């Protein structure tokens, strides 16, 4: 079964976007192997707002799935729109053949999928900046147990990558 992997950059004080949605504070460390990351994934899963910020299209060679109650499938033929039955649609997506699914973007969809116990991996790249306000990593809701998998420090930028498996039993 395919895994749902939430991979996100976060400020040291817990925000994934600045007060106005900005992400210019995210530094790209030259030692991060994006080719290896993309080699593990073949599907992007995102909410409507992230989809619109990303330009509203699909990346060549990958599948894009957007969770939205307002977008219409006929207006976006190159992506799959999930409007209802989030649990069923994600369960079906996980059962399809393929690589892991990158849960990409904001905390609201992460919160919804975490509450449904449909997130398998949480990867957080902690960027050494304090924003003071913005979009929180995780909106309020149920908690979840995590099991440490690995960490890595990127010396050039001070970014720390933390990877955890979500403990389905908790």
N, C-alpha and C. Protein backbone atom coordinates (compact mmCIF):
# COMPACT_ATOMS: atom_id res chain seq x y z
N UNK A 1 0.84 -1.18 0.00
CA UNK A 1 0.00 0.00 0.00
C UNK A 1 0.88 1.25 0.00
N UNK A 2 0.49 2.23 -0.78
CA UNK A 2 1.23 3.48 -0.87
C UNK A 2 1.11 4.25 0.44
N UNK A 3 2.16 4.98 0.77
CA UNK A 3 2.15 5.79 1.98
C UNK A 3 1.80 7.23 1.64
N UNK A 4 1.13 7.90 2.58
CA UNK A 4 0.89 9.34 2.49
C UNK A 4 1.97 10.00 3.34
N UNK A 5 2.81 10.84 2.69
CA UNK A 5 3.94 11.47 3.36
C UNK A 5 3.75 12.98 3.38
N UNK A 6 3.64 13.53 4.58
CA UNK A 6 3.55 14.98 4.72
C UNK A 6 4.96 15.51 4.87
N UNK A 7 5.42 16.23 3.87
CA UNK A 7 6.76 16.79 3.88
C UNK A 7 6.63 18.29 3.74
N UNK A 8 7.17 19.02 4.73
CA UNK A 8 6.91 20.46 4.80
C UNK A 8 8.09 21.19 5.45
N UNK A 9 8.26 22.44 5.06
CA UNK A 9 9.23 23.31 5.73
C UNK A 9 8.49 24.06 6.83
N UNK A 10 9.17 24.24 7.96
CA UNK A 10 8.56 24.91 9.11
C UNK A 10 9.59 25.82 9.76
N UNK A 11 9.13 26.99 10.20
CA UNK A 11 10.02 27.88 10.96
C UNK A 11 10.26 27.26 12.34
N UNK A 12 11.30 27.71 13.00
CA UNK A 12 11.62 27.19 14.32
C UNK A 12 10.48 27.42 15.31
N UNK A 13 9.66 28.46 15.09
CA UNK A 13 8.54 28.72 15.99
C UNK A 13 7.22 28.12 15.50
N UNK A 14 7.28 27.20 14.56
CA UNK A 14 6.11 26.38 14.25
C UNK A 14 5.19 26.83 13.14
N UNK A 15 5.66 27.64 12.21
CA UNK A 15 4.81 28.12 11.11
C UNK A 15 5.29 27.57 9.77
N UNK A 16 4.32 27.26 8.90
CA UNK A 16 4.66 26.75 7.57
C UNK A 16 4.49 27.81 6.49
N UNK A 17 3.96 28.96 6.86
CA UNK A 17 3.86 30.13 5.97
C UNK A 17 3.84 31.36 6.86
N UNK A 18 4.28 32.47 6.31
CA UNK A 18 4.30 33.72 7.06
C UNK A 18 2.89 34.29 7.23
N UNK A 19 2.77 35.44 7.90
CA UNK A 19 1.46 36.04 8.19
C UNK A 19 0.62 36.33 6.95
N UNK A 20 1.27 36.56 5.82
CA UNK A 20 0.54 36.82 4.57
C UNK A 20 0.68 35.67 3.58
N UNK A 21 0.97 34.49 4.09
CA UNK A 21 1.13 33.31 3.24
C UNK A 21 2.49 33.20 2.58
N UNK A 22 3.42 34.08 2.91
CA UNK A 22 4.72 34.09 2.23
C UNK A 22 5.58 32.89 2.64
N UNK A 23 6.41 32.50 1.67
CA UNK A 23 7.33 31.39 1.89
C UNK A 23 8.76 31.77 1.53
N UNK A 24 9.02 33.07 1.37
CA UNK A 24 10.36 33.54 0.98
C UNK A 24 11.41 33.29 2.05
N UNK A 25 11.02 32.92 3.23
CA UNK A 25 11.93 32.63 4.33
C UNK A 25 12.51 31.21 4.24
N UNK A 26 11.95 30.39 3.35
CA UNK A 26 12.42 29.01 3.20
C UNK A 26 13.68 29.02 2.36
N UNK A 27 14.78 28.58 2.97
CA UNK A 27 16.05 28.51 2.26
C UNK A 27 16.23 27.10 1.71
N UNK A 28 16.71 27.03 0.49
CA UNK A 28 16.95 25.74 -0.15
C UNK A 28 18.42 25.38 0.03
N UNK A 29 18.67 24.40 0.85
CA UNK A 29 20.05 23.97 1.07
C UNK A 29 20.53 23.20 -0.15
N UNK A 30 21.72 23.50 -0.65
CA UNK A 30 22.21 22.81 -1.86
C UNK A 30 22.47 21.32 -1.65
N UNK A 31 22.54 20.88 -0.40
CA UNK A 31 22.79 19.46 -0.14
C UNK A 31 21.50 18.63 -0.07
N UNK A 32 20.34 19.27 -0.12
CA UNK A 32 19.08 18.51 -0.12
C UNK A 32 18.95 17.84 -1.48
N UNK A 33 18.74 16.55 -1.47
CA UNK A 33 18.66 15.76 -2.71
C UNK A 33 17.20 15.67 -3.16
N UNK A 34 16.77 16.67 -3.92
CA UNK A 34 15.39 16.70 -4.39
C UNK A 34 15.12 15.59 -5.40
N UNK A 35 16.13 15.16 -6.15
CA UNK A 35 15.94 14.06 -7.09
C UNK A 35 15.59 12.77 -6.34
N UNK A 36 16.27 12.53 -5.21
CA UNK A 36 15.96 11.35 -4.41
C UNK A 36 14.56 11.44 -3.83
N UNK A 37 14.18 12.64 -3.36
CA UNK A 37 12.84 12.84 -2.83
C UNK A 37 11.80 12.55 -3.91
N UNK A 38 11.98 13.13 -5.08
CA UNK A 38 11.02 12.94 -6.16
C UNK A 38 11.02 11.50 -6.66
N UNK A 39 12.13 10.78 -6.50
CA UNK A 39 12.19 9.39 -6.90
C UNK A 39 11.32 8.47 -6.05
N UNK A 40 11.00 8.92 -4.85
CA UNK A 40 10.14 8.13 -3.95
C UNK A 40 8.67 8.38 -4.18
N UNK A 41 8.34 9.44 -4.92
CA UNK A 41 6.97 9.91 -5.03
C UNK A 41 6.51 9.93 -6.48
N UNK A 42 5.22 9.73 -6.70
CA UNK A 42 4.69 9.93 -8.05
C UNK A 42 3.35 10.66 -8.04
N UNK A 43 2.91 11.06 -6.85
CA UNK A 43 1.61 11.72 -6.73
C UNK A 43 1.72 12.87 -5.74
N UNK A 44 1.15 14.02 -6.12
CA UNK A 44 1.02 15.17 -5.22
C UNK A 44 -0.42 15.24 -4.75
N UNK A 45 -0.62 15.38 -3.45
CA UNK A 45 -1.94 15.53 -2.85
C UNK A 45 -1.96 16.88 -2.16
N UNK A 46 -2.92 17.74 -2.53
CA UNK A 46 -2.94 19.08 -1.96
C UNK A 46 -4.36 19.61 -1.88
N UNK A 47 -4.53 20.63 -1.08
CA UNK A 47 -5.80 21.32 -1.00
C UNK A 47 -5.91 22.38 -2.09
N UNK A 48 -7.07 22.97 -2.21
CA UNK A 48 -7.34 23.95 -3.26
C UNK A 48 -6.41 25.16 -3.19
N UNK A 49 -6.21 25.71 -2.00
CA UNK A 49 -5.37 26.91 -1.90
C UNK A 49 -3.94 26.64 -2.34
N UNK A 50 -3.37 25.54 -1.92
CA UNK A 50 -2.02 25.19 -2.35
C UNK A 50 -1.98 24.96 -3.86
N UNK A 51 -2.99 24.30 -4.39
CA UNK A 51 -3.08 24.06 -5.83
C UNK A 51 -3.07 25.38 -6.60
N UNK A 52 -3.84 26.35 -6.11
CA UNK A 52 -3.90 27.64 -6.79
C UNK A 52 -2.58 28.41 -6.67
N UNK A 53 -1.94 28.37 -5.50
CA UNK A 53 -0.65 29.03 -5.32
C UNK A 53 0.41 28.37 -6.21
N UNK A 54 0.31 27.06 -6.39
CA UNK A 54 1.28 26.32 -7.20
C UNK A 54 1.06 26.51 -8.70
N UNK A 55 0.05 27.24 -9.07
CA UNK A 55 -0.18 27.53 -10.49
C UNK A 55 -1.31 26.76 -11.13
N UNK A 56 -1.96 25.88 -10.36
CA UNK A 56 -3.15 25.20 -10.87
C UNK A 56 -2.90 24.17 -11.96
N UNK A 57 -1.74 23.58 -11.99
CA UNK A 57 -1.46 22.58 -13.01
C UNK A 57 -0.85 21.33 -12.42
N UNK A 58 -0.56 20.39 -13.29
CA UNK A 58 0.07 19.14 -12.87
C UNK A 58 1.53 19.14 -13.30
N UNK A 59 2.37 18.52 -12.48
CA UNK A 59 3.79 18.40 -12.82
C UNK A 59 3.95 17.21 -13.77
N UNK A 60 4.68 17.38 -14.87
CA UNK A 60 4.86 16.28 -15.81
C UNK A 60 5.42 15.03 -15.13
N UNK A 61 4.86 13.89 -15.49
CA UNK A 61 5.33 12.62 -14.94
C UNK A 61 4.77 12.28 -13.58
N UNK A 62 3.90 13.13 -13.05
CA UNK A 62 3.29 12.86 -11.75
C UNK A 62 1.78 13.03 -11.86
N UNK A 63 1.10 12.51 -10.88
CA UNK A 63 -0.34 12.67 -10.76
C UNK A 63 -0.60 13.74 -9.70
N UNK A 64 -1.55 14.62 -9.94
CA UNK A 64 -1.93 15.63 -8.96
C UNK A 64 -3.36 15.38 -8.53
N UNK A 65 -3.57 15.32 -7.22
CA UNK A 65 -4.89 15.13 -6.63
C UNK A 65 -5.17 16.34 -5.74
N UNK A 66 -6.32 16.98 -5.95
CA UNK A 66 -6.67 18.19 -5.21
C UNK A 66 -7.95 17.93 -4.43
N UNK A 67 -7.91 18.25 -3.14
CA UNK A 67 -9.09 18.14 -2.29
C UNK A 67 -9.77 19.50 -2.28
N UNK A 68 -11.00 19.54 -2.80
CA UNK A 68 -11.72 20.82 -2.89
C UNK A 68 -13.20 20.57 -3.05
N UNK A 69 -13.99 21.36 -2.35
CA UNK A 69 -15.44 21.31 -2.52
C UNK A 69 -15.92 22.33 -3.55
N UNK A 70 -15.00 23.19 -4.03
CA UNK A 70 -15.42 24.25 -4.95
C UNK A 70 -14.91 24.04 -6.38
N UNK A 71 -13.76 23.39 -6.56
CA UNK A 71 -13.26 23.16 -7.92
C UNK A 71 -14.09 22.08 -8.60
N UNK A 72 -14.25 22.21 -9.90
CA UNK A 72 -15.01 21.24 -10.69
C UNK A 72 -14.05 20.41 -11.54
N UNK A 73 -14.26 19.10 -11.56
CA UNK A 73 -13.38 18.20 -12.30
C UNK A 73 -13.28 18.60 -13.78
N UNK A 74 -14.38 18.99 -14.38
CA UNK A 74 -14.37 19.33 -15.81
C UNK A 74 -13.51 20.57 -16.12
N UNK A 75 -13.28 21.41 -15.13
CA UNK A 75 -12.43 22.59 -15.33
C UNK A 75 -10.95 22.27 -15.19
N UNK A 76 -10.63 21.09 -14.68
CA UNK A 76 -9.23 20.69 -14.43
C UNK A 76 -9.02 19.25 -14.89
N UNK A 77 -9.01 19.01 -16.21
CA UNK A 77 -8.93 17.64 -16.72
C UNK A 77 -7.61 16.93 -16.43
N UNK A 78 -6.55 17.67 -16.11
CA UNK A 78 -5.24 17.04 -15.87
C UNK A 78 -4.97 16.69 -14.42
N UNK A 79 -5.95 16.95 -13.55
CA UNK A 79 -5.81 16.60 -12.14
C UNK A 79 -7.06 15.86 -11.69
N UNK A 80 -6.95 15.16 -10.57
CA UNK A 80 -8.12 14.51 -9.99
C UNK A 80 -8.61 15.39 -8.85
N UNK A 81 -9.89 15.69 -8.85
CA UNK A 81 -10.50 16.49 -7.79
C UNK A 81 -11.26 15.55 -6.86
N UNK A 82 -10.98 15.67 -5.56
CA UNK A 82 -11.74 14.94 -4.53
C UNK A 82 -12.61 15.96 -3.83
N UNK A 83 -13.92 15.79 -3.90
CA UNK A 83 -14.83 16.74 -3.28
C UNK A 83 -15.51 16.21 -2.04
N UNK A 84 -15.86 14.95 -2.06
CA UNK A 84 -16.57 14.33 -0.94
C UNK A 84 -15.90 13.01 -0.59
N UNK A 85 -16.29 12.45 0.53
CA UNK A 85 -15.79 11.16 1.00
C UNK A 85 -14.27 11.11 0.98
N UNK A 86 -13.67 12.02 1.76
CA UNK A 86 -12.22 12.11 1.83
C UNK A 86 -11.60 10.77 2.23
N UNK A 87 -12.16 10.13 3.24
CA UNK A 87 -11.60 8.84 3.70
C UNK A 87 -11.60 7.82 2.57
N UNK A 88 -12.73 7.67 1.90
CA UNK A 88 -12.83 6.68 0.83
C UNK A 88 -11.91 6.99 -0.33
N UNK A 89 -11.84 8.26 -0.73
CA UNK A 89 -11.00 8.65 -1.86
C UNK A 89 -9.52 8.44 -1.56
N UNK A 90 -9.09 8.76 -0.35
CA UNK A 90 -7.67 8.59 0.00
C UNK A 90 -7.36 7.11 0.19
N UNK A 91 -8.27 6.36 0.74
CA UNK A 91 -8.07 4.91 0.86
C UNK A 91 -7.91 4.29 -0.53
N UNK A 92 -8.74 4.72 -1.49
CA UNK A 92 -8.61 4.23 -2.87
C UNK A 92 -7.28 4.65 -3.48
N UNK A 93 -6.86 5.90 -3.24
CA UNK A 93 -5.60 6.40 -3.76
C UNK A 93 -4.43 5.58 -3.22
N UNK A 94 -4.47 5.27 -1.95
CA UNK A 94 -3.39 4.48 -1.34
C UNK A 94 -3.33 3.07 -1.90
N UNK A 95 -4.49 2.55 -2.33
CA UNK A 95 -4.54 1.18 -2.85
C UNK A 95 -4.09 1.08 -4.31
N UNK A 96 -4.01 2.21 -5.01
CA UNK A 96 -3.56 2.19 -6.40
C UNK A 96 -2.09 1.80 -6.46
N UNK A 97 -1.67 1.19 -7.58
CA UNK A 97 -0.24 0.91 -7.72
C UNK A 97 0.53 2.22 -7.89
N UNK A 98 1.76 2.23 -7.43
CA UNK A 98 2.58 3.43 -7.58
C UNK A 98 3.47 3.65 -6.39
N UNK A 99 4.11 4.81 -6.41
CA UNK A 99 5.03 5.20 -5.35
C UNK A 99 4.26 5.95 -4.26
N UNK A 100 5.00 6.48 -3.30
CA UNK A 100 4.37 7.22 -2.21
C UNK A 100 3.70 8.49 -2.72
N UNK A 101 2.81 9.02 -1.89
CA UNK A 101 2.04 10.22 -2.20
C UNK A 101 2.57 11.35 -1.31
N UNK A 102 2.89 12.49 -1.91
CA UNK A 102 3.38 13.65 -1.18
C UNK A 102 2.21 14.54 -0.83
N UNK A 103 1.88 14.57 0.44
CA UNK A 103 0.89 15.52 0.95
C UNK A 103 1.61 16.85 1.02
N UNK A 104 1.21 17.76 0.14
CA UNK A 104 1.98 18.97 -0.14
C UNK A 104 1.15 20.19 0.22
N UNK A 105 1.73 21.08 1.02
CA UNK A 105 1.05 22.35 1.27
C UNK A 105 0.62 22.54 2.70
N UNK A 106 -0.53 23.12 2.86
CA UNK A 106 -0.99 23.65 4.13
C UNK A 106 -1.38 22.65 5.19
N UNK A 107 -1.55 23.18 6.39
CA UNK A 107 -1.84 22.37 7.55
C UNK A 107 -3.28 21.87 7.65
N UNK A 108 -4.22 22.52 6.99
CA UNK A 108 -5.63 22.13 7.12
C UNK A 108 -5.89 20.73 6.58
N UNK A 109 -5.36 20.44 5.39
CA UNK A 109 -5.53 19.10 4.83
C UNK A 109 -4.75 18.08 5.66
N UNK A 110 -3.56 18.46 6.09
CA UNK A 110 -2.78 17.58 6.98
C UNK A 110 -3.60 17.25 8.22
N UNK A 111 -4.22 18.26 8.83
CA UNK A 111 -5.04 18.05 10.03
C UNK A 111 -6.18 17.08 9.72
N UNK A 112 -6.90 17.29 8.61
CA UNK A 112 -8.03 16.43 8.27
C UNK A 112 -7.60 14.99 8.06
N UNK A 113 -6.49 14.79 7.34
CA UNK A 113 -6.02 13.43 7.09
C UNK A 113 -5.44 12.79 8.34
N UNK A 114 -4.79 13.57 9.19
CA UNK A 114 -4.27 13.05 10.44
C UNK A 114 -5.41 12.59 11.34
N UNK A 115 -6.47 13.39 11.40
CA UNK A 115 -7.65 13.01 12.20
C UNK A 115 -8.27 11.71 11.70
N UNK A 116 -8.20 11.46 10.40
CA UNK A 116 -8.73 10.23 9.81
C UNK A 116 -7.71 9.08 9.87
N UNK A 117 -6.54 9.35 10.44
CA UNK A 117 -5.44 8.38 10.55
C UNK A 117 -5.00 7.89 9.17
N UNK A 118 -4.86 8.83 8.23
CA UNK A 118 -4.47 8.49 6.87
C UNK A 118 -3.09 9.04 6.49
N UNK A 119 -2.35 9.57 7.44
CA UNK A 119 -0.98 10.04 7.19
C UNK A 119 -0.02 9.00 7.76
N UNK A 120 0.96 8.62 6.96
CA UNK A 120 1.91 7.59 7.37
C UNK A 120 3.25 8.14 7.84
N UNK A 121 3.70 9.23 7.20
CA UNK A 121 5.02 9.78 7.46
C UNK A 121 4.91 11.29 7.59
N UNK A 122 5.63 11.85 8.57
CA UNK A 122 5.74 13.30 8.72
C UNK A 122 7.22 13.65 8.62
N UNK A 123 7.56 14.46 7.61
CA UNK A 123 8.92 14.94 7.41
C UNK A 123 8.89 16.46 7.53
N UNK A 124 9.63 16.97 8.51
CA UNK A 124 9.64 18.41 8.74
C UNK A 124 11.05 18.93 8.58
N UNK A 125 11.21 19.89 7.67
CA UNK A 125 12.49 20.59 7.52
C UNK A 125 12.38 21.87 8.33
N UNK A 126 13.08 21.92 9.46
CA UNK A 126 13.02 23.10 10.32
C UNK A 126 14.02 24.12 9.82
N UNK A 127 13.49 25.27 9.39
CA UNK A 127 14.31 26.35 8.86
C UNK A 127 14.66 27.29 10.01
N UNK A 128 15.92 27.67 10.16
CA UNK A 128 16.33 28.50 11.30
C UNK A 128 15.90 29.96 11.14
N UNK A 129 14.62 30.19 11.35
CA UNK A 129 14.04 31.53 11.31
C UNK A 129 12.87 31.55 12.28
N UNK A 130 12.62 32.70 12.89
CA UNK A 130 11.47 32.89 13.76
C UNK A 130 10.54 33.87 13.07
N UNK A 131 9.33 33.41 12.73
CA UNK A 131 8.38 34.26 12.00
C UNK A 131 7.47 35.07 12.93
N UNK A 132 7.17 34.53 14.09
CA UNK A 132 6.33 35.25 15.05
C UNK A 132 4.84 35.12 14.80
N UNK A 133 4.44 34.79 13.58
CA UNK A 133 3.02 34.63 13.23
C UNK A 133 2.95 33.97 11.86
N UNK A 134 1.77 33.46 11.53
CA UNK A 134 1.58 32.86 10.23
C UNK A 134 0.67 31.66 10.29
N UNK A 135 0.83 30.76 9.34
CA UNK A 135 0.04 29.53 9.27
C UNK A 135 0.72 28.48 10.13
N UNK A 136 0.02 27.96 11.15
CA UNK A 136 0.67 26.99 12.03
C UNK A 136 0.91 25.65 11.33
N UNK A 137 1.92 24.95 11.79
CA UNK A 137 2.23 23.61 11.29
C UNK A 137 1.01 22.71 11.38
N UNK A 138 0.30 22.77 12.50
CA UNK A 138 -0.85 21.90 12.70
C UNK A 138 -1.95 22.66 13.42
N UNK A 139 -3.08 22.87 12.74
CA UNK A 139 -4.22 23.51 13.41
C UNK A 139 -4.71 22.63 14.57
N UNK A 140 -5.45 23.20 15.52
CA UNK A 140 -5.93 22.43 16.67
C UNK A 140 -6.75 21.21 16.25
N UNK A 141 -6.68 20.18 17.06
CA UNK A 141 -7.42 18.94 16.82
C UNK A 141 -6.84 17.82 17.63
N UNK A 142 -7.10 16.59 17.20
CA UNK A 142 -6.60 15.40 17.88
C UNK A 142 -5.07 15.33 17.78
N UNK A 143 -4.49 14.65 18.74
CA UNK A 143 -3.06 14.40 18.70
C UNK A 143 -2.77 13.12 17.94
N UNK A 144 -1.50 12.83 17.79
CA UNK A 144 -1.07 11.59 17.13
C UNK A 144 0.29 11.21 17.67
N UNK A 145 0.50 9.93 17.85
CA UNK A 145 1.80 9.44 18.27
C UNK A 145 2.73 9.33 17.07
N UNK A 146 4.00 9.60 17.30
CA UNK A 146 4.99 9.52 16.25
C UNK A 146 6.15 8.66 16.71
N UNK A 147 6.77 7.98 15.74
CA UNK A 147 7.96 7.17 16.02
C UNK A 147 9.11 7.73 15.20
N UNK A 148 10.20 8.08 15.86
CA UNK A 148 11.37 8.67 15.20
C UNK A 148 11.92 7.69 14.16
N UNK A 149 12.23 8.22 12.96
CA UNK A 149 12.84 7.42 11.90
C UNK A 149 14.27 7.89 11.65
N UNK A 150 14.47 9.19 11.40
CA UNK A 150 15.82 9.69 11.14
C UNK A 150 15.83 11.21 11.25
N UNK A 151 17.05 11.74 11.29
CA UNK A 151 17.24 13.18 11.26
C UNK A 151 18.50 13.47 10.45
N UNK A 152 18.56 14.71 9.99
CA UNK A 152 19.75 15.15 9.27
C UNK A 152 19.88 16.66 9.45
N UNK A 153 21.11 17.09 9.67
CA UNK A 153 21.41 18.51 9.78
C UNK A 153 22.11 18.93 8.49
N UNK A 154 21.61 19.99 7.88
CA UNK A 154 22.23 20.57 6.70
C UNK A 154 23.08 21.75 7.16
N UNK A 155 24.38 21.55 7.18
CA UNK A 155 25.31 22.50 7.79
C UNK A 155 25.34 23.86 7.10
N UNK A 156 25.17 23.90 5.79
CA UNK A 156 25.29 25.17 5.06
C UNK A 156 24.21 26.17 5.44
N UNK A 157 23.01 25.68 5.75
CA UNK A 157 21.90 26.60 6.07
C UNK A 157 21.40 26.45 7.50
N UNK A 158 21.80 25.39 8.18
CA UNK A 158 21.31 25.15 9.53
C UNK A 158 19.95 24.49 9.56
N UNK A 159 19.44 24.08 8.41
CA UNK A 159 18.16 23.38 8.34
C UNK A 159 18.31 22.00 8.98
N UNK A 160 17.30 21.58 9.74
CA UNK A 160 17.28 20.27 10.36
C UNK A 160 16.07 19.52 9.82
N UNK A 161 16.32 18.34 9.25
CA UNK A 161 15.25 17.50 8.73
C UNK A 161 14.93 16.42 9.76
N UNK A 162 13.66 16.32 10.13
CA UNK A 162 13.20 15.31 11.06
C UNK A 162 12.17 14.44 10.34
N UNK A 163 12.31 13.12 10.45
CA UNK A 163 11.34 12.22 9.85
C UNK A 163 10.76 11.31 10.93
N UNK A 164 9.43 11.22 10.93
CA UNK A 164 8.72 10.38 11.88
C UNK A 164 7.68 9.53 11.15
N UNK A 165 7.48 8.32 11.64
CA UNK A 165 6.35 7.50 11.19
C UNK A 165 5.19 7.78 12.14
N UNK A 166 4.01 7.89 11.59
CA UNK A 166 2.83 8.12 12.42
C UNK A 166 2.44 6.78 13.03
N UNK A 167 2.27 6.77 14.34
CA UNK A 167 1.90 5.58 15.08
C UNK A 167 0.40 5.37 14.95
N UNK A 168 0.01 4.41 14.13
CA UNK A 168 -1.42 4.17 13.87
C UNK A 168 -2.17 3.70 15.11
N UNK A 169 -1.45 3.16 16.08
CA UNK A 169 -2.11 2.64 17.28
C UNK A 169 -2.54 3.73 18.25
N UNK A 170 -2.00 4.95 18.10
CA UNK A 170 -2.33 6.01 19.05
C UNK A 170 -3.35 6.96 18.52
